[in-house]
Amino acid sequence: MTKIITDTTSGLPLDLAASFGISMIPQQVIFEEQSYQDDTGITTAEFLKKLKGSAILPKTAAPLPNMYTPFFTQAAKDKETCIVIAPSAKISGTARSAETACQDFPGADIRIIDTQTIAGCVGTLALEAHHMAEAGKSPDEITATLNALIPRSRTYFVVDTLEYLQKGGRIGAARALLGELLQVKPILQIKDGIVAPFAQERTKKRAVARLVELVCEQLAGIIDPRLCLMHIDAEDEALALRTVLCTRLKIEDIPIYLLPPAIVVHAGPKALAIGFFE
């Protein structure tokens, strides 16, 4: 049997992950010297309330290696394979924590996948791995499929401001556009494992419209793009975007994920994102 492990940056709802038996490791959020786990310690709504009322920008920390230990211990005991599906190592220390924990289990079959992305596409890969495991696919087949999908991953997002990405140190290649983008709505992307600029528009409405055209162009003719939407305090916008994309792409439904506090810290309120695989 193959055990699938991911973390809360995947954006997967906790109840959905639990129903599939996918283990979720929480990221850590440090707010005013108090640490929270962003699964059960603090919700996105609670975190947003604290964020809006504070002049201090919270910090995040990757899960400690010992958070993986119980899962690796059980897998080693049961002679199971563990596949850890982690966010980009260029953005988060999550993969490194899993690798550190793995060193205590030299005889176990533990595989750590750096997805080179973050948020919904990480969740999509975790779901893909789960469904393959349920279908009886081998660990080698699962990891081969994930490694083939990773280069095809695309994530684009619109933020109200670059302030949070800048202060949190996750702005990546978009740093060069900081001054220019302060007065516009940037469309950013995850490219080569980091946040990078893609385009800019004068209003969020125009940015979202540009996003729709971009997605429809890139997904033309693709039967299963594994599309997902993500948001932070922007549910109405996400629902409207889903309606447009379902109509344009002739898709019955698109999952919408509320992103966790560990991503809110860096993207800020009202962020809207889309993830898919070309």
C-alpha atoms as a PDB file:
ATOM      1  CA  MET A   1       0.000   0.000   0.000  1.00  0.00           C
ATOM      2  CA  THR A   2       1.150   3.553  -0.735  1.00  0.00           C
ATOM      3  CA  LYS A   3       0.575   6.345   1.787  1.00  0.00           C
ATOM      4  CA  ILE A   4       0.118   9.862   0.387  1.00  0.00           C
ATOM      5  CA  ILE A   5       1.255  12.817   2.492  1.00  0.00           C
ATOM      6  CA  THR A   6       1.022  16.497   1.621  1.00  0.00           C
ATOM      7  CA  ASP A   7       0.700  19.704   3.628  1.00  0.00           C
ATOM      8  CA  THR A   8      -1.686  22.582   4.080  1.00  0.00           C
ATOM      9  CA  THR A   9      -0.090  24.728   1.352  1.00  0.00           C
ATOM     10  CA  SER A  10      -1.821  22.325  -1.059  1.00  0.00           C
ATOM     11  CA  GLY A  11      -5.079  24.138  -0.348  1.00  0.00           C
ATOM     12  CA  LEU A  12      -6.988  20.860  -0.073  1.00  0.00           C
ATOM     13  CA  PRO A  13      -9.914  21.094   2.353  1.00  0.00           C
ATOM     14  CA  LEU A  14      -9.121  19.090   5.471  1.00  0.00           C
ATOM     15  CA  ASP A  15     -12.329  17.066   5.261  1.00  0.00           C
ATOM     16  CA  LEU A  16     -11.654  16.150   1.623  1.00  0.00           C
ATOM     17  CA  ALA A  17      -8.107  15.023   2.389  1.00  0.00           C
ATOM     18  CA  ALA A  18      -9.328  13.009   5.394  1.00  0.00           C
ATOM     19  CA  SER A  19     -12.028  11.294   3.330  1.00  0.00           C
ATOM     20  CA  PHE A  20      -9.339  10.056   0.935  1.00  0.00           C
ATOM     21  CA  GLY A  21      -6.879   9.126   3.668  1.00  0.00           C
ATOM     22  CA  ILE A  22      -4.391  11.765   2.542  1.00  0.00           C
ATOM     23  CA  SER A  23      -2.310  12.924   5.507  1.00  0.00           C
ATOM     24  CA  MET A  24      -2.003  16.702   5.847  1.00  0.00           C
ATOM     25  CA  ILE A  25       0.976  18.235   7.630  1.00  0.00           C
ATOM     26  CA  PRO A  26       0.282  21.764   8.923  1.00  0.00           C
ATOM     27  CA  GLN A  27       2.424  24.754   8.146  1.00  0.00           C
ATOM     28  CA  GLN A  28       3.258  27.045  11.049  1.00  0.00           C
ATOM     29  CA  VAL A  29       2.159  30.680  11.295  1.00  0.00           C
ATOM     30  CA  ILE A  30       3.844  32.969  13.823  1.00  0.00           C
ATOM     31  CA  PHE A  31       1.752  35.964  14.792  1.00  0.00           C
ATOM     32  CA  GLU A  32       2.915  38.374  17.499  1.00  0.00           C
ATOM     33  CA  GLU A  33       5.223  35.733  19.011  1.00  0.00           C
ATOM     34  CA  GLN A  34       2.471  33.117  19.124  1.00  0.00           C
ATOM     35  CA  SER A  35       2.668  30.089  16.854  1.00  0.00           C
ATOM     36  CA  TYR A  36      -0.368  28.488  15.203  1.00  0.00           C
ATOM     37  CA  GLN A  37      -0.815  25.421  13.054  1.00  0.00           C
ATOM     38  CA  ASP A  38      -2.723  26.480   9.991  1.00  0.00           C
ATOM     39  CA  ASP A  39      -4.994  23.451   9.915  1.00  0.00           C
ATOM     40  CA  THR A  40      -6.726  23.413  13.297  1.00  0.00           C
ATOM     41  CA  GLY A  41      -4.845  26.151  15.183  1.00  0.00           C
ATOM     42  CA  ILE A  42      -6.299  29.054  13.231  1.00  0.00           C
ATOM     43  CA  THR A  43      -8.692  29.308  10.286  1.00  0.00           C
ATOM     44  CA  THR A  44      -8.249  31.545   7.282  1.00  0.00           C
ATOM     45  CA  ALA A  45     -11.159  33.730   8.419  1.00  0.00           C
ATOM     46  CA  GLU A  46      -9.697  34.113  11.927  1.00  0.00           C
ATOM     47  CA  PHE A  47      -6.275  34.839  10.525  1.00  0.00           C
ATOM     48  CA  LEU A  48      -7.574  37.478   8.113  1.00  0.00           C
ATOM     49  CA  LYS A  49      -9.318  39.250  10.991  1.00  0.00           C
ATOM     50  CA  LYS A  50      -6.079  39.350  12.974  1.00  0.00           C
ATOM     51  CA  LEU A  51      -4.076  40.379   9.920  1.00  0.00           C
ATOM     52  CA  LYS A  52      -6.332  43.314   9.069  1.00  0.00           C
ATOM     53  CA  GLY A  53      -6.172  44.571  12.647  1.00  0.00           C
ATOM     54  CA  SER A  54      -2.410  44.374  13.066  1.00  0.00           C
ATOM     55  CA  ALA A  55       0.481  46.495  11.835  1.00  0.00           C
ATOM     56  CA  ILE A  56       2.825  43.524  12.267  1.00  0.00           C
ATOM     57  CA  LEU A  57       3.221  41.127   9.351  1.00  0.00           C
ATOM     58  CA  PRO A  58       3.114  37.508  10.553  1.00  0.00           C
ATOM     59  CA  LYS A  59       5.768  34.985   9.607  1.00  0.00           C
ATOM     60  CA  THR A  60       5.553  31.399   8.451  1.00  0.00           C
ATOM     61  CA  ALA A  61       7.641  28.353   9.167  1.00  0.00           C
ATOM     62  CA  ALA A  62       7.800  24.988   7.468  1.00  0.00           C
ATOM     63  CA  PRO A  63       6.640  21.949   9.434  1.00  0.00           C
ATOM     64  CA  LEU A  64       9.282  20.599  11.775  1.00  0.00           C
ATOM     65  CA  PRO A  65      10.851  17.295  10.718  1.00  0.00           C
ATOM     66  CA  ASN A  66       9.333  15.530  13.722  1.00  0.00           C
ATOM     67  CA  MET A  67       5.843  16.179  12.330  1.00  0.00           C
ATOM     68  CA  TYR A  68       6.610  13.584   9.658  1.00  0.00           C
ATOM     69  CA  THR A  69       8.067  11.064  12.085  1.00  0.00           C
ATOM     70  CA  PRO A  70       4.811   9.324  13.139  1.00  0.00           C
ATOM     71  CA  PHE A  71       3.831   8.734   9.517  1.00  0.00           C
ATOM     72  CA  PHE A  72       7.270   7.482   8.526  1.00  0.00           C
ATOM     73  CA  THR A  73       7.426   5.256  11.619  1.00  0.00           C
ATOM     74  CA  GLN A  74       4.098   3.630  10.793  1.00  0.00           C
ATOM     75  CA  ALA A  75       5.008   3.196   7.133  1.00  0.00           C
ATOM     76  CA  ALA A  76       8.312   1.563   8.044  1.00  0.00           C
ATOM     77  CA  LYS A  77       6.542  -0.755  10.489  1.00  0.00           C
ATOM     78  CA  ASP A  78       3.903  -1.754   7.927  1.00  0.00           C
ATOM     79  CA  LYS A  79       6.436  -1.893   5.075  1.00  0.00           C
ATOM     80  CA  GLU A  80       4.431   0.670   3.135  1.00  0.00           C
ATOM     81  CA  THR A  81       5.662   3.332   0.740  1.00  0.00           C
ATOM     82  CA  CYS A  82       5.269   7.000   1.698  1.00  0.00           C
ATOM     83  CA  ILE A  83       5.050   9.604  -1.039  1.00  0.00           C
ATOM     84  CA  VAL A  84       5.409  13.148   0.290  1.00  0.00           C
ATOM     85  CA  ILE A  85       4.084  15.760  -2.127  1.00  0.00           C
ATOM     86  CA  ALA A  86       5.678  19.062  -1.111  1.00  0.00           C
ATOM     87  CA  PRO A  87       5.533  22.676  -2.316  1.00  0.00           C
ATOM     88  CA  SER A  88       8.443  24.147  -4.214  1.00  0.00           C
ATOM     89  CA  ALA A  89      11.686  23.951  -2.249  1.00  0.00           C
ATOM     90  CA  LYS A  90      12.519  27.427  -3.571  1.00  0.00           C
ATOM     91  CA  ILE A  91       9.498  28.836  -1.751  1.00  0.00           C
ATOM     92  CA  SER A  92       9.153  26.632   1.304  1.00  0.00           C
ATOM     93  CA  GLY A  93      11.370  24.542   3.566  1.00  0.00           C
ATOM     94  CA  THR A  94       8.740  21.793   3.698  1.00  0.00           C
ATOM     95  CA  ALA A  95      10.573  19.356   1.409  1.00  0.00           C
ATOM     96  CA  ARG A  96      13.785  19.862   3.392  1.00  0.00           C
ATOM     97  CA  SER A  97      11.978  19.063   6.645  1.00  0.00           C
ATOM     98  CA  ALA A  98      10.619  15.845   5.154  1.00  0.00           C
ATOM     99  CA  GLU A  99      14.088  14.923   3.870  1.00  0.00           C
ATOM    100  CA  THR A 100      15.568  15.513   7.328  1.00  0.00           C
ATOM    101  CA  ALA A 101      12.939  13.295   8.930  1.00  0.00           C
ATOM    102  CA  CYS A 102      13.521  10.661   6.270  1.00  0.00           C
ATOM    103  CA  GLN A 103      17.155  10.263   7.357  1.00  0.00           C
ATOM    104  CA  ASP A 104      15.990   8.446  10.503  1.00  0.00           C
ATOM    105  CA  PHE A 105      14.403   5.710   8.373  1.00  0.00           C
ATOM    106  CA  PRO A 106      17.169   4.432   6.070  1.00  0.00           C
ATOM    107  CA  GLY A 107      15.386   1.178   5.281  1.00  0.00           C
ATOM    108  CA  ALA A 108      11.977   2.671   4.522  1.00  0.00           C
ATOM    109  CA  ASP A 109      10.597   3.460   1.077  1.00  0.00           C
ATOM    110  CA  ILE A 110       9.968   7.192   1.475  1.00  0.00           C
ATOM    111  CA  ARG A 111       9.793   9.371  -1.625  1.00  0.00           C
ATOM    112  CA  ILE A 112       9.748  13.162  -1.418  1.00  0.00           C
ATOM    113  CA  ILE A 113       8.435  14.992  -4.459  1.00  0.00           C
ATOM    114  CA  ASP A 114       9.344  18.664  -4.976  1.00  0.00           C
ATOM    115  CA  THR A 115       6.379  19.807  -7.051  1.00  0.00           C
ATOM    116  CA  GLN A 116       8.093  23.100  -7.969  1.00  0.00           C
ATOM    117  CA  THR A 117       4.802  24.870  -7.340  1.00  0.00           C
ATOM    118  CA  ILE A 118       2.453  25.713  -4.493  1.00  0.00           C
ATOM    119  CA  ALA A 119      -1.254  25.725  -3.621  1.00  0.00           C
ATOM    120  CA  GLY A 120      -3.897  24.044  -5.790  1.00  0.00           C
ATOM    121  CA  CYS A 121      -1.600  22.227  -8.197  1.00  0.00           C
ATOM    122  CA  VAL A 122       0.103  20.577  -5.219  1.00  0.00           C
ATOM    123  CA  GLY A 123      -3.335  19.438  -4.103  1.00  0.00           C
ATOM    124  CA  THR A 124      -4.145  18.157  -7.575  1.00  0.00           C
ATOM    125  CA  LEU A 125      -0.959  16.077  -7.596  1.00  0.00           C
ATOM    126  CA  ALA A 126      -1.811  14.668  -4.159  1.00  0.00           C
ATOM    127  CA  LEU A 127      -5.272  13.675  -5.392  1.00  0.00           C
ATOM    128  CA  GLU A 128      -3.777  12.135  -8.531  1.00  0.00           C
ATOM    129  CA  ALA A 129      -1.376  10.087  -6.406  1.00  0.00           C
ATOM    130  CA  HIS A 130      -4.209   8.951  -4.148  1.00  0.00           C
ATOM    131  CA  HIS A 131      -6.425   7.842  -7.032  1.00  0.00           C
ATOM    132  CA  MET A 132      -3.536   5.947  -8.630  1.00  0.00           C
ATOM    133  CA  ALA A 133      -2.746   4.222  -5.332  1.00  0.00           C
ATOM    134  CA  GLU A 134      -6.413   3.270  -4.925  1.00  0.00           C
ATOM    135  CA  ALA A 135      -6.334   1.834  -8.445  1.00  0.00           C
ATOM    136  CA  GLY A 136      -3.455  -0.407  -7.457  1.00  0.00           C
ATOM    137  CA  LYS A 137      -0.687   1.444  -9.273  1.00  0.00           C
ATOM    138  CA  SER A 138       2.831   0.853  -7.952  1.00  0.00           C
ATOM    139  CA  PRO A 139       4.886   3.555  -6.197  1.00  0.00           C
ATOM    140  CA  ASP A 140       7.140   3.671  -9.260  1.00  0.00           C
ATOM    141  CA  GLU A 141       4.156   4.290 -11.540  1.00  0.00           C
ATOM    142  CA  ILE A 142       2.795   6.984  -9.234  1.00  0.00           C
ATOM    143  CA  THR A 143       6.069   8.869  -8.911  1.00  0.00           C
ATOM    144  CA  ALA A 144       6.685   8.617 -12.660  1.00  0.00           C
ATOM    145  CA  THR A 145       3.267  10.126 -13.368  1.00  0.00           C
ATOM    146  CA  LEU A 146       3.799  12.945 -10.868  1.00  0.00           C
ATOM    147  CA  ASN A 147       7.246  13.736 -12.260  1.00  0.00           C
ATOM    148  CA  ALA A 148       5.764  13.881 -15.761  1.00  0.00           C
ATOM    149  CA  LEU A 149       2.969  16.213 -14.644  1.00  0.00           C
ATOM    150  CA  ILE A 150       5.140  18.648 -12.670  1.00  0.00           C
ATOM    151  CA  PRO A 151       6.695  20.427 -15.712  1.00  0.00           C
ATOM    152  CA  ARG A 152       3.183  20.878 -17.128  1.00  0.00           C
ATOM    153  CA  SER A 153       1.907  22.637 -13.995  1.00  0.00           C
ATOM    154  CA  ARG A 154       0.729  26.220 -14.408  1.00  0.00           C
ATOM    155  CA  THR A 155      -0.372  28.580 -11.629  1.00  0.00           C
ATOM    156  CA  TYR A 156      -1.397  32.179 -12.189  1.00  0.00           C
ATOM    157  CA  PHE A 157      -2.685  34.550  -9.547  1.00  0.00           C
ATOM    158  CA  VAL A 158      -3.912  38.075  -9.128  1.00  0.00           C
ATOM    159  CA  VAL A 159      -3.103  39.950  -5.924  1.00  0.00           C
ATOM    160  CA  ASP A 160      -4.413  43.277  -4.689  1.00  0.00           C
ATOM    161  CA  THR A 161      -0.917  44.338  -3.678  1.00  0.00           C
ATOM    162  CA  LEU A 162       2.649  43.059  -3.774  1.00  0.00           C
ATOM    163  CA  GLU A 163       3.161  44.305  -0.209  1.00  0.00           C
ATOM    164  CA  TYR A 164       2.777  40.886   1.408  1.00  0.00           C
ATOM    165  CA  LEU A 165       4.979  39.047  -1.087  1.00  0.00           C
ATOM    166  CA  GLN A 166       7.635  41.728  -0.688  1.00  0.00           C
ATOM    167  CA  LYS A 167       7.625  41.757   3.125  1.00  0.00           C
ATOM    168  CA  GLY A 168       7.485  37.985   3.308  1.00  0.00           C
ATOM    169  CA  GLY A 169      10.471  37.556   1.002  1.00  0.00           C
ATOM    170  CA  ARG A 170       8.554  35.421  -1.526  1.00  0.00           C
ATOM    171  CA  ILE A 171       8.405  37.926  -4.363  1.00  0.00           C
ATOM    172  CA  GLY A 172      11.087  36.134  -6.411  1.00  0.00           C
ATOM    173  CA  ALA A 173      11.620  37.430  -9.938  1.00  0.00           C
ATOM    174  CA  ALA A 174       8.700  39.837  -9.565  1.00  0.00           C
ATOM    175  CA  ARG A 175      10.870  42.057  -7.341  1.00  0.00           C
ATOM    176  CA  ALA A 176      12.134  43.946 -10.389  1.00  0.00           C
ATOM    177  CA  LEU A 177       8.596  45.116 -11.145  1.00  0.00           C
ATOM    178  CA  LEU A 178       7.750  46.192  -7.620  1.00  0.00           C
ATOM    179  CA  GLY A 179       7.845  49.935  -8.173  1.00  0.00           C
ATOM    180  CA  GLU A 180       5.984  49.697 -11.453  1.00  0.00           C
ATOM    181  CA  LEU A 181       3.283  47.395 -10.113  1.00  0.00           C
ATOM    182  CA  LEU A 182       2.418  49.279  -6.953  1.00  0.00           C
ATOM    183  CA  GLN A 183      -0.350  51.172  -8.722  1.00  0.00           C
ATOM    184  CA  VAL A 184      -1.714  48.312 -10.858  1.00  0.00           C
ATOM    185  CA  LYS A 185      -3.051  44.787 -10.452  1.00  0.00           C
ATOM    186  CA  PRO A 186      -0.307  42.312 -11.312  1.00  0.00           C
ATOM    187  CA  ILE A 187      -0.833  38.852 -12.716  1.00  0.00           C
ATOM    188  CA  LEU A 188       1.886  36.656 -11.268  1.00  0.00           C
ATOM    189  CA  GLN A 189       2.869  33.081 -11.969  1.00  0.00           C
ATOM    190  CA  ILE A 190       4.855  30.253 -10.459  1.00  0.00           C
ATOM    191  CA  LYS A 191       7.749  29.702 -12.837  1.00  0.00           C
ATOM    192  CA  ASP A 192      10.764  27.494 -12.192  1.00  0.00           C
ATOM    193  CA  GLY A 193       9.567  27.098  -8.616  1.00  0.00           C
ATOM    194  CA  ILE A 194       9.390  30.802  -7.706  1.00  0.00           C
ATOM    195  CA  VAL A 195       6.992  33.732  -7.974  1.00  0.00           C
ATOM    196  CA  ALA A 196       7.558  35.580 -11.238  1.00  0.00           C
ATOM    197  CA  PRO A 197       5.752  38.366 -13.115  1.00  0.00           C
ATOM    198  CA  PHE A 198       3.473  37.527 -16.002  1.00  0.00           C
ATOM    199  CA  ALA A 199       1.428  40.613 -16.864  1.00  0.00           C
ATOM    200  CA  GLN A 200      -0.195  43.697 -15.396  1.00  0.00           C
ATOM    201  CA  GLU A 201      -3.543  45.417 -15.731  1.00  0.00           C
ATOM    202  CA  ARG A 202      -4.956  48.660 -14.388  1.00  0.00           C
ATOM    203  CA  THR A 203      -7.869  47.045 -12.547  1.00  0.00           C
ATOM    204  CA  LYS A 204      -8.575  43.689 -10.994  1.00  0.00           C
ATOM    205  CA  LYS A 205     -11.532  43.192 -13.313  1.00  0.00           C
ATOM    206  CA  ARG A 206      -9.263  43.546 -16.323  1.00  0.00           C
ATOM    207  CA  ALA A 207      -6.660  41.283 -14.717  1.00  0.00           C
ATOM    208  CA  VAL A 208      -9.234  38.536 -14.183  1.00  0.00           C
ATOM    209  CA  ALA A 209     -10.492  38.933 -17.759  1.00  0.00           C
ATOM    210  CA  ARG A 210      -6.908  38.586 -18.988  1.00  0.00           C
ATOM    211  CA  LEU A 211      -6.559  35.490 -16.844  1.00  0.00           C
ATOM    212  CA  VAL A 212      -9.648  33.944 -18.438  1.00  0.00           C
ATOM    213  CA  GLU A 213      -8.315  34.536 -21.947  1.00  0.00           C
ATOM    214  CA  LEU A 214      -4.931  33.134 -20.974  1.00  0.00           C
ATOM    215  CA  VAL A 215      -6.384  29.959 -19.509  1.00  0.00           C
ATOM    216  CA  CYS A 216      -8.798  29.368 -22.372  1.00  0.00           C
ATOM    217  CA  GLU A 217      -5.972  29.809 -24.863  1.00  0.00           C
ATOM    218  CA  GLN A 218      -3.615  27.435 -23.067  1.00  0.00           C
ATOM    219  CA  LEU A 219      -6.278  24.790 -22.449  1.00  0.00           C
ATOM    220  CA  ALA A 220      -7.877  24.768 -25.891  1.00  0.00           C
ATOM    221  CA  GLY A 221      -8.557  21.179 -26.872  1.00  0.00           C
ATOM    222  CA  ILE A 222      -7.362  19.662 -23.588  1.00  0.00           C
ATOM    223  CA  ILE A 223      -9.882  17.146 -22.274  1.00  0.00           C
ATOM    224  CA  ASP A 224      -8.739  16.979 -18.639  1.00  0.00           C
ATOM    225  CA  PRO A 225      -6.742  20.045 -17.602  1.00  0.00           C
ATOM    226  CA  ARG A 226      -7.075  19.233 -13.873  1.00  0.00           C
ATOM    227  CA  LEU A 227      -8.218  22.791 -13.333  1.00  0.00           C
ATOM    228  CA  CYS A 228      -8.737  24.333  -9.887  1.00  0.00           C
ATOM    229  CA  LEU A 229      -9.440  27.790  -8.503  1.00  0.00           C
ATOM    230  CA  MET A 230      -8.123  29.272  -5.271  1.00  0.00           C
ATOM    231  CA  HIS A 231      -8.933  32.395  -3.333  1.00  0.00           C
ATOM    232  CA  ILE A 232      -8.326  34.358  -0.154  1.00  0.00           C
ATOM    233  CA  ASP A 233     -11.439  36.170   1.046  1.00  0.00           C
ATOM    234  CA  ALA A 234     -12.677  36.383  -2.541  1.00  0.00           C
ATOM    235  CA  GLU A 235     -15.282  33.635  -2.759  1.00  0.00           C
ATOM    236  CA  ASP A 236     -17.749  35.611  -4.881  1.00  0.00           C
ATOM    237  CA  GLU A 237     -15.045  36.385  -7.428  1.00  0.00           C
ATOM    238  CA  ALA A 238     -13.965  32.738  -7.478  1.00  0.00           C
ATOM    239  CA  LEU A 239     -17.555  31.573  -8.037  1.00  0.00           C
ATOM    240  CA  ALA A 240     -18.017  34.039 -10.882  1.00  0.00           C
ATOM    241  CA  LEU A 241     -14.726  32.962 -12.439  1.00  0.00           C
ATOM    242  CA  ARG A 242     -15.752  29.307 -12.190  1.00  0.00           C
ATOM    243  CA  THR A 243     -19.003  30.031 -14.042  1.00  0.00           C
ATOM    244  CA  VAL A 244     -17.153  31.777 -16.872  1.00  0.00           C
ATOM    245  CA  LEU A 245     -14.493  29.086 -17.204  1.00  0.00           C
ATOM    246  CA  CYS A 246     -16.979  26.185 -17.058  1.00  0.00           C
ATOM    247  CA  THR A 247     -18.931  27.814 -19.893  1.00  0.00           C
ATOM    248  CA  ARG A 248     -15.917  28.712 -22.004  1.00  0.00           C
ATOM    249  CA  LEU A 249     -14.109  25.400 -21.534  1.00  0.00           C
ATOM    250  CA  LYS A 250     -17.240  23.224 -21.462  1.00  0.00           C
ATOM    251  CA  ILE A 251     -16.302  21.772 -18.062  1.00  0.00           C
ATOM    252  CA  GLU A 252     -19.020  20.605 -15.663  1.00  0.00           C
ATOM    253  CA  ASP A 253     -17.315  21.776 -12.481  1.00  0.00           C
ATOM    254  CA  ILE A 254     -14.083  23.247 -11.138  1.00  0.00           C
ATOM    255  CA  PRO A 255     -13.062  22.829  -7.483  1.00  0.00           C
ATOM    256  CA  ILE A 256     -12.526  26.008  -5.486  1.00  0.00           C
ATOM    257  CA  TYR A 257     -10.066  25.981  -2.585  1.00  0.00           C
ATOM    258  CA  LEU A 258      -9.826  28.519   0.216  1.00  0.00           C
ATOM    259  CA  LEU A 259      -6.112  29.047   0.777  1.00  0.00           C
ATOM    260  CA  PRO A 260      -4.687  28.595   4.286  1.00  0.00           C
ATOM    261  CA  PRO A 261      -3.108  31.219   6.578  1.00  0.00           C
ATOM    262  CA  ALA A 262       0.431  30.210   5.560  1.00  0.00           C
ATOM    263  CA  ILE A 263      -0.312  31.432   2.034  1.00  0.00           C
ATOM    264  CA  VAL A 264      -2.418  34.397   3.180  1.00  0.00           C
ATOM    265  CA  VAL A 265       0.727  35.762   4.875  1.00  0.00           C
ATOM    266  CA  HIS A 266       2.438  36.131   1.505  1.00  0.00           C
ATOM    267  CA  ALA A 267      -0.395  36.716  -0.979  1.00  0.00           C
ATOM    268  CA  GLY A 268      -2.606  38.937   1.160  1.00  0.00           C
ATOM    269  CA  PRO A 269      -6.396  39.359   1.212  1.00  0.00           C
ATOM    270  CA  LYS A 270      -8.467  39.175  -1.974  1.00  0.00           C
ATOM    271  CA  ALA A 271      -5.949  37.105  -3.924  1.00  0.00           C
ATOM    272  CA  LEU A 272      -7.427  34.961  -6.689  1.00  0.00           C
ATOM    273  CA  ALA A 273      -5.597  32.089  -8.375  1.00  0.00           C
ATOM    274  CA  ILE A 274      -5.982  29.387 -10.968  1.00  0.00           C
ATOM    275  CA  GLY A 275      -4.002  26.202 -11.384  1.00  0.00           C
ATOM    276  CA  PHE A 276      -3.994  23.611 -14.152  1.00  0.00           C
ATOM    277  CA  PHE A 277      -1.789  21.264 -16.172  1.00  0.00           C
ATOM    278  CA  GLU A 278      -1.058  21.883 -19.833  1.00  0.00           C
END
